[in-house]
Each structure stands twice: as C-alpha cells, then as structure tokens.
C-alpha cells in the first residue's frame, strides 16, 4: 500500500457517501492499476485481504469485495471459494469487528450469496464456490428482443 492510497481511499469513500458508486469503483480500480493498493493476498490465491486496504470505511471494504467478485466473474475461470480477510476487530477502538458484519450483510443480504465463517479463523469470511456459480451463469438481459436489451447480470 502506497501513501497516496490514504488520500484515494478517502476520495473513494466520499464518492460512495455522495451516492456515486460507479465513480468510486472507477477510482478504486485506477488505484489498483497504478499499484497504490493491492487487496489480494500475496501468498494465498483467491484470498482478498482487506487489511491491505489499511484503515478504511465499511463502504470501501464492501466496494473492494464487490470488485473482487466482478473480477472473478469476468476472469473466465470456474469459481473456487473466495475468502475475504476482514479481521477480528483487534485494531478497532472497542475491539469489536466492524468490517466482518458489514461484509457478511452485503454479501448475503444485498448480493444473495452464501457467506460463512472460516473454521478456526474468526477474521475471515468464506463465499463458497457453489454460491459463486451464479456469476458464471449466462447473462441476463432486459428489454425487447428487437433492440437487443440491456445486460444486467453478470
């Protein structure tokens, strides 16, 4: 993580707060491409490590998870489990996890994907491959057949 990520992270969070998620995602991806932040675990494949974002809001953490899911969906390979390192909250002021409940709620309630604890590691959330298979389903279009429609998922 580079020092410029701290400022960019604040901008991403501000865009999310302003209801501009597409711009927030674009800025987050630009930061990744520039090497300012790399959320993927360096030694474990398919592990998104939110610690690598530094201190960030739950909104930025959820955006990172959503982007990881999009990257996996567009990657063209069959899914394996995605593990998200959220931490246990050891560095939170009151010692309670903030990111884990937010990530679990977003994954299960908003995205309707299965999310479970990783056995013997309370600072990780697992999204099983079976739940991710919907990302590789044929695309869904809305609109009439004459105009081709608009792709909505994935």
N, C-alpha and C. Protein backbone atom coordinates (compact mmCIF):
# COMPACT_ATOMS: atom_id res chain seq x y z
N UNK A 1 0.84 -1.17 0.00
CA UNK A 1 0.00 0.00 0.00
C UNK A 1 0.89 1.23 0.00
N UNK A 2 0.61 2.13 -0.90
CA UNK A 2 1.39 3.35 -1.02
C UNK A 2 0.73 4.49 -0.25
N UNK A 3 1.51 5.51 0.10
CA UNK A 3 0.93 6.63 0.85
C UNK A 3 -0.23 7.31 0.13
N UNK A 4 -0.18 7.37 -1.21
CA UNK A 4 -1.27 8.03 -1.92
C UNK A 4 -2.60 7.31 -1.77
N UNK A 5 -2.55 6.03 -1.39
CA UNK A 5 -3.79 5.29 -1.21
C UNK A 5 -4.64 5.91 -0.10
N UNK A 6 -4.02 6.46 0.94
CA UNK A 6 -4.79 7.07 2.02
C UNK A 6 -5.71 8.17 1.50
N UNK A 7 -5.17 9.04 0.65
CA UNK A 7 -5.98 10.11 0.07
C UNK A 7 -7.02 9.54 -0.89
N UNK A 8 -6.60 8.58 -1.72
CA UNK A 8 -7.53 7.99 -2.69
C UNK A 8 -8.66 7.24 -1.97
N UNK A 9 -8.32 6.58 -0.89
CA UNK A 9 -9.32 5.84 -0.11
C UNK A 9 -10.37 6.82 0.42
N UNK A 10 -9.93 7.97 0.89
CA UNK A 10 -10.86 8.99 1.35
C UNK A 10 -11.75 9.49 0.23
N UNK A 11 -11.18 9.65 -0.95
CA UNK A 11 -11.98 10.09 -2.10
C UNK A 11 -12.99 9.02 -2.50
N UNK A 12 -12.57 7.76 -2.51
CA UNK A 12 -13.49 6.66 -2.83
C UNK A 12 -14.64 6.67 -1.84
N UNK A 13 -14.33 6.82 -0.57
CA UNK A 13 -15.36 6.83 0.47
C UNK A 13 -16.31 8.02 0.27
N UNK A 14 -15.76 9.19 -0.06
CA UNK A 14 -16.60 10.37 -0.29
C UNK A 14 -17.54 10.17 -1.48
N UNK A 15 -17.04 9.54 -2.53
CA UNK A 15 -17.89 9.26 -3.69
C UNK A 15 -19.01 8.29 -3.32
N UNK A 16 -18.69 7.29 -2.52
CA UNK A 16 -19.74 6.36 -2.07
C UNK A 16 -20.78 7.08 -1.23
N UNK A 17 -20.31 7.93 -0.31
CA UNK A 17 -21.23 8.69 0.54
C UNK A 17 -22.12 9.62 -0.28
N UNK A 18 -21.59 10.12 -1.40
CA UNK A 18 -22.35 11.03 -2.27
C UNK A 18 -23.27 10.28 -3.23
N UNK A 19 -23.33 8.95 -3.12
CA UNK A 19 -24.21 8.18 -3.99
C UNK A 19 -23.68 8.04 -5.40
N UNK A 20 -22.35 8.02 -5.53
CA UNK A 20 -21.72 7.89 -6.85
C UNK A 20 -20.84 6.64 -6.90
N UNK A 21 -21.46 5.45 -6.78
CA UNK A 21 -20.69 4.21 -6.70
C UNK A 21 -19.90 3.88 -7.96
N UNK A 22 -20.41 4.23 -9.14
CA UNK A 22 -19.67 3.93 -10.37
C UNK A 22 -18.35 4.69 -10.41
N UNK A 23 -18.38 5.96 -9.99
CA UNK A 23 -17.15 6.75 -9.95
C UNK A 23 -16.21 6.24 -8.86
N UNK A 24 -16.78 5.82 -7.73
CA UNK A 24 -15.96 5.26 -6.65
C UNK A 24 -15.24 4.00 -7.13
N UNK A 25 -15.97 3.13 -7.83
CA UNK A 25 -15.38 1.90 -8.35
C UNK A 25 -14.29 2.22 -9.37
N UNK A 26 -14.53 3.18 -10.24
CA UNK A 26 -13.53 3.55 -11.25
C UNK A 26 -12.26 4.06 -10.58
N UNK A 27 -12.39 4.88 -9.55
CA UNK A 27 -11.22 5.40 -8.85
C UNK A 27 -10.49 4.29 -8.11
N UNK A 28 -11.24 3.40 -7.49
CA UNK A 28 -10.64 2.25 -6.79
C UNK A 28 -9.83 1.40 -7.77
N UNK A 29 -10.41 1.14 -8.94
CA UNK A 29 -9.70 0.34 -9.95
C UNK A 29 -8.46 1.07 -10.48
N UNK A 30 -8.56 2.38 -10.66
CA UNK A 30 -7.38 3.15 -11.08
C UNK A 30 -6.27 3.05 -10.04
N UNK A 31 -6.63 3.10 -8.78
CA UNK A 31 -5.64 2.97 -7.71
C UNK A 31 -4.98 1.59 -7.76
N UNK A 32 -5.75 0.56 -8.03
CA UNK A 32 -5.18 -0.79 -8.16
C UNK A 32 -4.23 -0.85 -9.34
N UNK A 33 -4.67 -0.34 -10.48
CA UNK A 33 -3.84 -0.38 -11.69
C UNK A 33 -2.55 0.40 -11.52
N UNK A 34 -2.59 1.49 -10.75
CA UNK A 34 -1.40 2.30 -10.51
C UNK A 34 -0.50 1.70 -9.43
N UNK A 35 -0.96 0.63 -8.79
CA UNK A 35 -0.17 -0.01 -7.75
C UNK A 35 -0.26 0.67 -6.40
N UNK A 36 -1.22 1.59 -6.24
CA UNK A 36 -1.37 2.27 -4.96
C UNK A 36 -1.93 1.34 -3.89
N UNK A 37 -2.70 0.35 -4.33
CA UNK A 37 -3.27 -0.62 -3.40
C UNK A 37 -3.40 -1.96 -4.11
N UNK A 38 -3.14 -3.02 -3.39
CA UNK A 38 -3.28 -4.38 -3.93
C UNK A 38 -3.99 -5.22 -2.86
N UNK A 39 -5.29 -5.43 -3.03
CA UNK A 39 -6.05 -6.10 -1.98
C UNK A 39 -5.90 -7.62 -1.92
N UNK A 40 -5.34 -8.23 -2.95
CA UNK A 40 -5.24 -9.69 -2.97
C UNK A 40 -4.07 -10.15 -2.11
N UNK A 41 -4.28 -11.21 -1.38
CA UNK A 41 -3.24 -11.78 -0.52
C UNK A 41 -2.07 -12.22 -1.38
N UNK A 42 -0.87 -11.94 -0.94
CA UNK A 42 0.30 -12.23 -1.78
C UNK A 42 0.66 -13.70 -1.83
N UNK A 43 0.28 -14.48 -0.81
CA UNK A 43 0.66 -15.90 -0.79
C UNK A 43 -0.50 -16.88 -0.92
N UNK A 44 -1.72 -16.38 -0.82
CA UNK A 44 -2.88 -17.27 -0.88
C UNK A 44 -3.78 -16.87 -2.04
N UNK A 45 -3.95 -17.74 -3.03
CA UNK A 45 -4.83 -17.40 -4.16
C UNK A 45 -6.29 -17.32 -3.71
N UNK A 46 -7.04 -16.48 -4.37
CA UNK A 46 -8.47 -16.29 -4.09
C UNK A 46 -8.75 -15.85 -2.66
N UNK A 47 -7.80 -15.10 -2.09
CA UNK A 47 -7.98 -14.52 -0.76
C UNK A 47 -7.86 -13.00 -0.90
N UNK A 48 -8.95 -12.33 -0.64
CA UNK A 48 -8.98 -10.87 -0.64
C UNK A 48 -8.72 -10.41 0.78
N UNK A 49 -7.63 -9.68 0.98
CA UNK A 49 -7.21 -9.29 2.33
C UNK A 49 -7.51 -7.81 2.53
N UNK A 50 -8.59 -7.52 3.25
CA UNK A 50 -8.98 -6.14 3.48
C UNK A 50 -7.99 -5.40 4.38
N UNK A 51 -7.13 -6.12 5.09
CA UNK A 51 -6.05 -5.46 5.84
C UNK A 51 -5.17 -4.65 4.90
N UNK A 52 -5.05 -5.11 3.67
CA UNK A 52 -4.18 -4.45 2.69
C UNK A 52 -4.74 -3.11 2.21
N UNK A 53 -6.00 -2.81 2.60
CA UNK A 53 -6.58 -1.50 2.29
C UNK A 53 -6.21 -0.47 3.35
N UNK A 54 -5.63 -0.92 4.47
CA UNK A 54 -5.36 -0.01 5.57
C UNK A 54 -6.66 0.30 6.29
N UNK A 55 -6.67 1.37 7.05
CA UNK A 55 -7.88 1.78 7.74
C UNK A 55 -8.84 2.33 6.69
N UNK A 56 -9.98 1.67 6.53
CA UNK A 56 -10.95 2.13 5.54
C UNK A 56 -12.35 1.95 6.10
N UNK A 57 -13.28 2.61 5.47
CA UNK A 57 -14.68 2.51 5.89
C UNK A 57 -15.27 1.17 5.46
N UNK A 58 -16.42 0.86 6.03
CA UNK A 58 -17.12 -0.36 5.61
C UNK A 58 -17.56 -0.23 4.15
N UNK A 59 -17.86 0.98 3.72
CA UNK A 59 -18.24 1.20 2.32
C UNK A 59 -17.13 0.84 1.36
N UNK A 60 -15.91 1.29 1.66
CA UNK A 60 -14.76 0.97 0.80
C UNK A 60 -14.46 -0.52 0.86
N UNK A 61 -14.58 -1.12 2.03
CA UNK A 61 -14.36 -2.57 2.16
C UNK A 61 -15.36 -3.34 1.30
N UNK A 62 -16.62 -2.95 1.38
CA UNK A 62 -17.65 -3.63 0.58
C UNK A 62 -17.41 -3.42 -0.92
N UNK A 63 -16.97 -2.23 -1.30
CA UNK A 63 -16.65 -1.97 -2.70
C UNK A 63 -15.53 -2.89 -3.16
N UNK A 64 -14.52 -3.10 -2.33
CA UNK A 64 -13.42 -3.99 -2.68
C UNK A 64 -13.92 -5.42 -2.88
N UNK A 65 -14.83 -5.86 -2.05
CA UNK A 65 -15.40 -7.21 -2.20
C UNK A 65 -16.22 -7.29 -3.48
N UNK A 66 -17.04 -6.28 -3.75
CA UNK A 66 -17.84 -6.28 -4.98
C UNK A 66 -16.93 -6.30 -6.21
N UNK A 67 -15.86 -5.52 -6.17
CA UNK A 67 -14.93 -5.50 -7.30
C UNK A 67 -14.26 -6.86 -7.47
N UNK A 68 -13.88 -7.49 -6.37
CA UNK A 68 -13.27 -8.82 -6.44
C UNK A 68 -14.23 -9.81 -7.09
N UNK A 69 -15.49 -9.75 -6.72
CA UNK A 69 -16.49 -10.64 -7.32
C UNK A 69 -16.64 -10.36 -8.81
N UNK A 70 -16.62 -9.10 -9.19
CA UNK A 70 -16.69 -8.76 -10.62
C UNK A 70 -15.46 -9.27 -11.36
N UNK A 71 -14.29 -9.11 -10.76
CA UNK A 71 -13.06 -9.61 -11.39
C UNK A 71 -13.13 -11.12 -11.58
N UNK A 72 -13.63 -11.82 -10.56
CA UNK A 72 -13.76 -13.27 -10.68
C UNK A 72 -14.76 -13.64 -11.77
N UNK A 73 -15.87 -12.91 -11.83
CA UNK A 73 -16.91 -13.21 -12.83
C UNK A 73 -16.39 -12.98 -14.24
N UNK A 74 -15.58 -11.96 -14.41
CA UNK A 74 -15.08 -11.63 -15.75
C UNK A 74 -13.80 -12.38 -16.09
N UNK A 75 -13.25 -13.09 -15.12
CA UNK A 75 -11.98 -13.79 -15.31
C UNK A 75 -12.06 -15.01 -16.20
N UNK A 76 -13.25 -15.56 -16.36
CA UNK A 76 -13.42 -16.67 -17.28
C UNK A 76 -13.01 -18.02 -16.76
N UNK A 77 -12.64 -18.13 -15.50
CA UNK A 77 -12.28 -19.44 -14.97
C UNK A 77 -13.36 -19.89 -13.99
N UNK A 78 -13.52 -21.19 -13.82
CA UNK A 78 -14.53 -21.66 -12.89
C UNK A 78 -14.23 -21.15 -11.48
N UNK A 79 -15.27 -20.92 -10.71
CA UNK A 79 -15.06 -20.36 -9.38
C UNK A 79 -14.47 -21.36 -8.40
N UNK A 80 -13.68 -20.83 -7.50
CA UNK A 80 -13.30 -21.56 -6.29
C UNK A 80 -13.80 -20.69 -5.16
N UNK A 81 -13.70 -21.18 -3.94
CA UNK A 81 -14.13 -20.36 -2.81
C UNK A 81 -13.38 -19.03 -2.82
N UNK A 82 -14.07 -17.97 -2.48
CA UNK A 82 -13.43 -16.69 -2.25
C UNK A 82 -13.40 -16.48 -0.74
N UNK A 83 -12.22 -16.21 -0.22
CA UNK A 83 -12.07 -15.93 1.20
C UNK A 83 -11.74 -14.45 1.34
N UNK A 84 -12.46 -13.78 2.24
CA UNK A 84 -12.24 -12.36 2.50
C UNK A 84 -11.71 -12.22 3.92
N UNK A 85 -10.50 -11.67 4.03
CA UNK A 85 -9.91 -11.41 5.34
C UNK A 85 -10.46 -10.06 5.80
N UNK A 86 -11.28 -10.10 6.83
CA UNK A 86 -11.89 -8.88 7.37
C UNK A 86 -11.21 -8.44 8.65
N UNK A 87 -10.57 -9.36 9.33
CA UNK A 87 -10.00 -9.08 10.64
C UNK A 87 -11.03 -9.35 11.73
N UNK A 88 -10.53 -9.44 12.95
CA UNK A 88 -11.38 -9.74 14.11
C UNK A 88 -11.80 -8.49 14.86
N UNK A 89 -11.28 -7.35 14.44
CA UNK A 89 -11.59 -6.11 15.15
C UNK A 89 -10.57 -5.75 16.21
N UNK A 90 -9.43 -6.43 16.20
CA UNK A 90 -8.41 -6.18 17.22
C UNK A 90 -7.91 -4.74 17.22
N UNK A 91 -7.97 -4.07 16.08
CA UNK A 91 -7.49 -2.69 15.99
C UNK A 91 -8.62 -1.67 16.08
N UNK A 92 -9.84 -2.14 16.24
CA UNK A 92 -10.97 -1.22 16.42
C UNK A 92 -10.92 -0.64 17.83
N UNK A 93 -11.42 0.58 18.00
CA UNK A 93 -11.35 1.21 19.32
C UNK A 93 -11.96 0.38 20.45
N UNK A 94 -13.06 -0.29 20.19
CA UNK A 94 -13.69 -1.10 21.23
C UNK A 94 -13.38 -2.59 21.11
N UNK A 95 -12.51 -2.95 20.16
CA UNK A 95 -12.12 -4.34 19.98
C UNK A 95 -13.14 -5.20 19.26
N UNK A 96 -14.20 -4.58 18.74
CA UNK A 96 -15.22 -5.34 18.01
C UNK A 96 -15.01 -5.20 16.51
N UNK A 97 -15.26 -6.28 15.81
CA UNK A 97 -15.12 -6.27 14.35
C UNK A 97 -16.15 -5.33 13.74
N UNK A 98 -15.70 -4.50 12.81
CA UNK A 98 -16.60 -3.61 12.07
C UNK A 98 -16.80 -4.10 10.64
N UNK A 99 -15.70 -4.54 10.02
CA UNK A 99 -15.78 -4.92 8.61
C UNK A 99 -16.50 -6.25 8.41
N UNK A 100 -16.25 -7.22 9.27
CA UNK A 100 -16.84 -8.55 9.05
C UNK A 100 -18.36 -8.51 9.00
N UNK A 101 -19.05 -7.90 9.97
CA UNK A 101 -20.51 -7.89 9.86
C UNK A 101 -21.02 -7.11 8.64
N UNK A 102 -20.31 -6.05 8.27
CA UNK A 102 -20.72 -5.28 7.09
C UNK A 102 -20.55 -6.09 5.82
N UNK A 103 -19.43 -6.78 5.69
CA UNK A 103 -19.18 -7.61 4.50
C UNK A 103 -20.17 -8.77 4.45
N UNK A 104 -20.39 -9.43 5.57
CA UNK A 104 -21.34 -10.55 5.59
C UNK A 104 -22.75 -10.08 5.21
N UNK A 105 -23.18 -8.94 5.72
CA UNK A 105 -24.51 -8.42 5.39
C UNK A 105 -24.62 -8.08 3.92
N UNK A 106 -23.60 -7.42 3.38
CA UNK A 106 -23.63 -7.05 1.96
C UNK A 106 -23.67 -8.29 1.08
N UNK A 107 -22.83 -9.27 1.39
CA UNK A 107 -22.77 -10.49 0.57
C UNK A 107 -24.08 -11.26 0.64
N UNK A 108 -24.60 -11.46 1.84
CA UNK A 108 -25.80 -12.29 1.97
C UNK A 108 -27.09 -11.54 1.70
N UNK A 109 -27.22 -10.32 2.22
CA UNK A 109 -28.49 -9.59 2.08
C UNK A 109 -28.63 -8.88 0.73
N UNK A 110 -27.57 -8.22 0.28
CA UNK A 110 -27.66 -7.45 -0.96
C UNK A 110 -27.39 -8.31 -2.19
N UNK A 111 -26.32 -9.11 -2.13
CA UNK A 111 -25.93 -9.91 -3.30
C UNK A 111 -26.58 -11.29 -3.32
N UNK A 112 -27.17 -11.69 -2.20
CA UNK A 112 -27.83 -13.00 -2.08
C UNK A 112 -26.87 -14.16 -2.34
N UNK A 113 -25.64 -14.02 -1.86
CA UNK A 113 -24.66 -15.09 -1.93
C UNK A 113 -24.46 -15.65 -0.53
N UNK A 114 -24.05 -16.89 -0.46
CA UNK A 114 -23.79 -17.51 0.83
C UNK A 114 -22.47 -16.97 1.40
N UNK A 115 -22.47 -16.70 2.68
CA UNK A 115 -21.25 -16.27 3.37
C UNK A 115 -21.18 -17.02 4.69
N UNK A 116 -20.02 -17.55 5.00
CA UNK A 116 -19.87 -18.30 6.25
C UNK A 116 -18.51 -18.01 6.88
N UNK A 117 -18.43 -18.31 8.16
CA UNK A 117 -17.17 -18.16 8.86
C UNK A 117 -16.18 -19.22 8.39
N UNK A 118 -14.91 -18.88 8.46
CA UNK A 118 -13.86 -19.84 8.19
C UNK A 118 -13.55 -20.53 9.52
N UNK A 119 -13.64 -21.86 9.58
CA UNK A 119 -13.38 -22.56 10.85
C UNK A 119 -12.01 -22.18 11.42
N UNK A 120 -11.99 -21.95 12.71
CA UNK A 120 -10.76 -21.64 13.45
C UNK A 120 -10.11 -20.33 13.03
N UNK A 121 -10.85 -19.48 12.31
CA UNK A 121 -10.30 -18.17 11.94
C UNK A 121 -11.44 -17.15 11.90
N UNK A 122 -11.74 -16.54 13.03
CA UNK A 122 -12.88 -15.63 13.10
C UNK A 122 -12.72 -14.32 12.32
N UNK A 123 -11.55 -14.08 11.77
CA UNK A 123 -11.32 -12.87 10.99
C UNK A 123 -11.46 -13.07 9.50
N UNK A 124 -12.10 -14.16 9.10
CA UNK A 124 -12.26 -14.45 7.67
C UNK A 124 -13.70 -14.85 7.36
N UNK A 125 -14.13 -14.50 6.15
CA UNK A 125 -15.45 -14.87 5.63
C UNK A 125 -15.22 -15.67 4.35
N UNK A 126 -15.93 -16.77 4.22
CA UNK A 126 -15.80 -17.61 3.03
C UNK A 126 -17.08 -17.51 2.21
N UNK A 127 -16.89 -17.26 0.91
CA UNK A 127 -18.01 -17.29 -0.04
C UNK A 127 -17.74 -18.53 -0.90
N UNK A 128 -18.52 -19.60 -0.69
CA UNK A 128 -18.20 -20.87 -1.34
C UNK A 128 -18.41 -20.84 -2.86
N UNK A 129 -17.64 -21.68 -3.53
CA UNK A 129 -17.69 -21.76 -4.99
C UNK A 129 -19.11 -22.01 -5.48
N UNK A 130 -19.85 -22.85 -4.77
CA UNK A 130 -21.22 -23.14 -5.19
C UNK A 130 -22.10 -21.91 -5.23
N UNK A 131 -21.86 -21.00 -4.31
CA UNK A 131 -22.61 -19.75 -4.28
C UNK A 131 -22.17 -18.80 -5.40
N UNK A 132 -20.90 -18.90 -5.77
CA UNK A 132 -20.35 -18.03 -6.81
C UNK A 132 -20.71 -18.46 -8.22
N UNK A 133 -21.22 -19.68 -8.38
CA UNK A 133 -21.51 -20.18 -9.73
C UNK A 133 -22.49 -19.30 -10.49
N UNK A 134 -23.35 -18.60 -9.77
CA UNK A 134 -24.32 -17.72 -10.45
C UNK A 134 -23.60 -16.61 -11.22
N UNK A 135 -22.37 -16.29 -10.84
CA UNK A 135 -21.61 -15.26 -11.56
C UNK A 135 -21.22 -15.72 -12.95
N UNK A 136 -21.19 -17.02 -13.16
CA UNK A 136 -20.81 -17.56 -14.47
C UNK A 136 -22.02 -18.02 -15.26
N UNK A 137 -23.22 -17.69 -14.79
CA UNK A 137 -24.44 -18.04 -15.50
C UNK A 137 -24.52 -17.20 -16.77
N UNK A 138 -25.31 -17.64 -17.74
CA UNK A 138 -25.49 -16.82 -18.95
C UNK A 138 -26.00 -15.44 -18.55
N UNK A 139 -25.60 -14.42 -19.28
CA UNK A 139 -26.02 -13.06 -18.92
C UNK A 139 -27.53 -12.89 -19.03
N UNK A 140 -28.07 -12.03 -18.20
CA UNK A 140 -29.49 -11.72 -18.19
C UNK A 140 -29.68 -10.36 -18.85
N UNK A 141 -30.62 -10.31 -19.79
CA UNK A 141 -30.90 -9.06 -20.49
C UNK A 141 -32.31 -8.62 -20.17
N UNK A 142 -32.51 -7.30 -20.13
CA UNK A 142 -33.86 -6.75 -20.01
C UNK A 142 -34.13 -5.91 -21.24
N UNK A 143 -35.39 -5.79 -21.59
CA UNK A 143 -35.75 -5.04 -22.79
C UNK A 143 -36.30 -5.98 -23.84
N UNK A 144 -36.70 -5.41 -24.96
CA UNK A 144 -37.28 -6.25 -26.01
C UNK A 144 -36.18 -6.88 -26.86
N UNK A 145 -36.51 -7.94 -27.51
CA UNK A 145 -35.55 -8.67 -28.33
C UNK A 145 -35.09 -7.88 -29.54
N UNK A 146 -35.92 -6.97 -30.05
CA UNK A 146 -35.57 -6.21 -31.25
C UNK A 146 -34.39 -5.28 -31.01
N UNK A 147 -34.32 -4.69 -29.82
CA UNK A 147 -33.23 -3.74 -29.55
C UNK A 147 -32.03 -4.44 -28.93
N UNK A 148 -32.15 -5.70 -28.63
CA UNK A 148 -31.03 -6.43 -28.02
C UNK A 148 -31.06 -6.38 -26.51
N UNK A 149 -31.76 -5.43 -25.93
CA UNK A 149 -31.86 -5.34 -24.48
C UNK A 149 -30.61 -4.79 -23.85
N UNK A 150 -30.65 -4.72 -22.54
CA UNK A 150 -29.55 -4.19 -21.74
C UNK A 150 -29.10 -5.29 -20.79
N UNK A 151 -27.80 -5.57 -20.78
CA UNK A 151 -27.25 -6.61 -19.91
C UNK A 151 -27.26 -6.11 -18.47
N UNK A 152 -27.83 -6.94 -17.57
CA UNK A 152 -27.88 -6.52 -16.17
C UNK A 152 -27.07 -7.43 -15.25
N UNK A 153 -26.81 -8.69 -15.64
CA UNK A 153 -26.02 -9.58 -14.76
C UNK A 153 -25.54 -10.74 -15.55
N UNK A 154 -24.36 -11.24 -15.39
CA UNK A 154 -23.27 -10.57 -14.70
C UNK A 154 -22.66 -9.52 -15.58
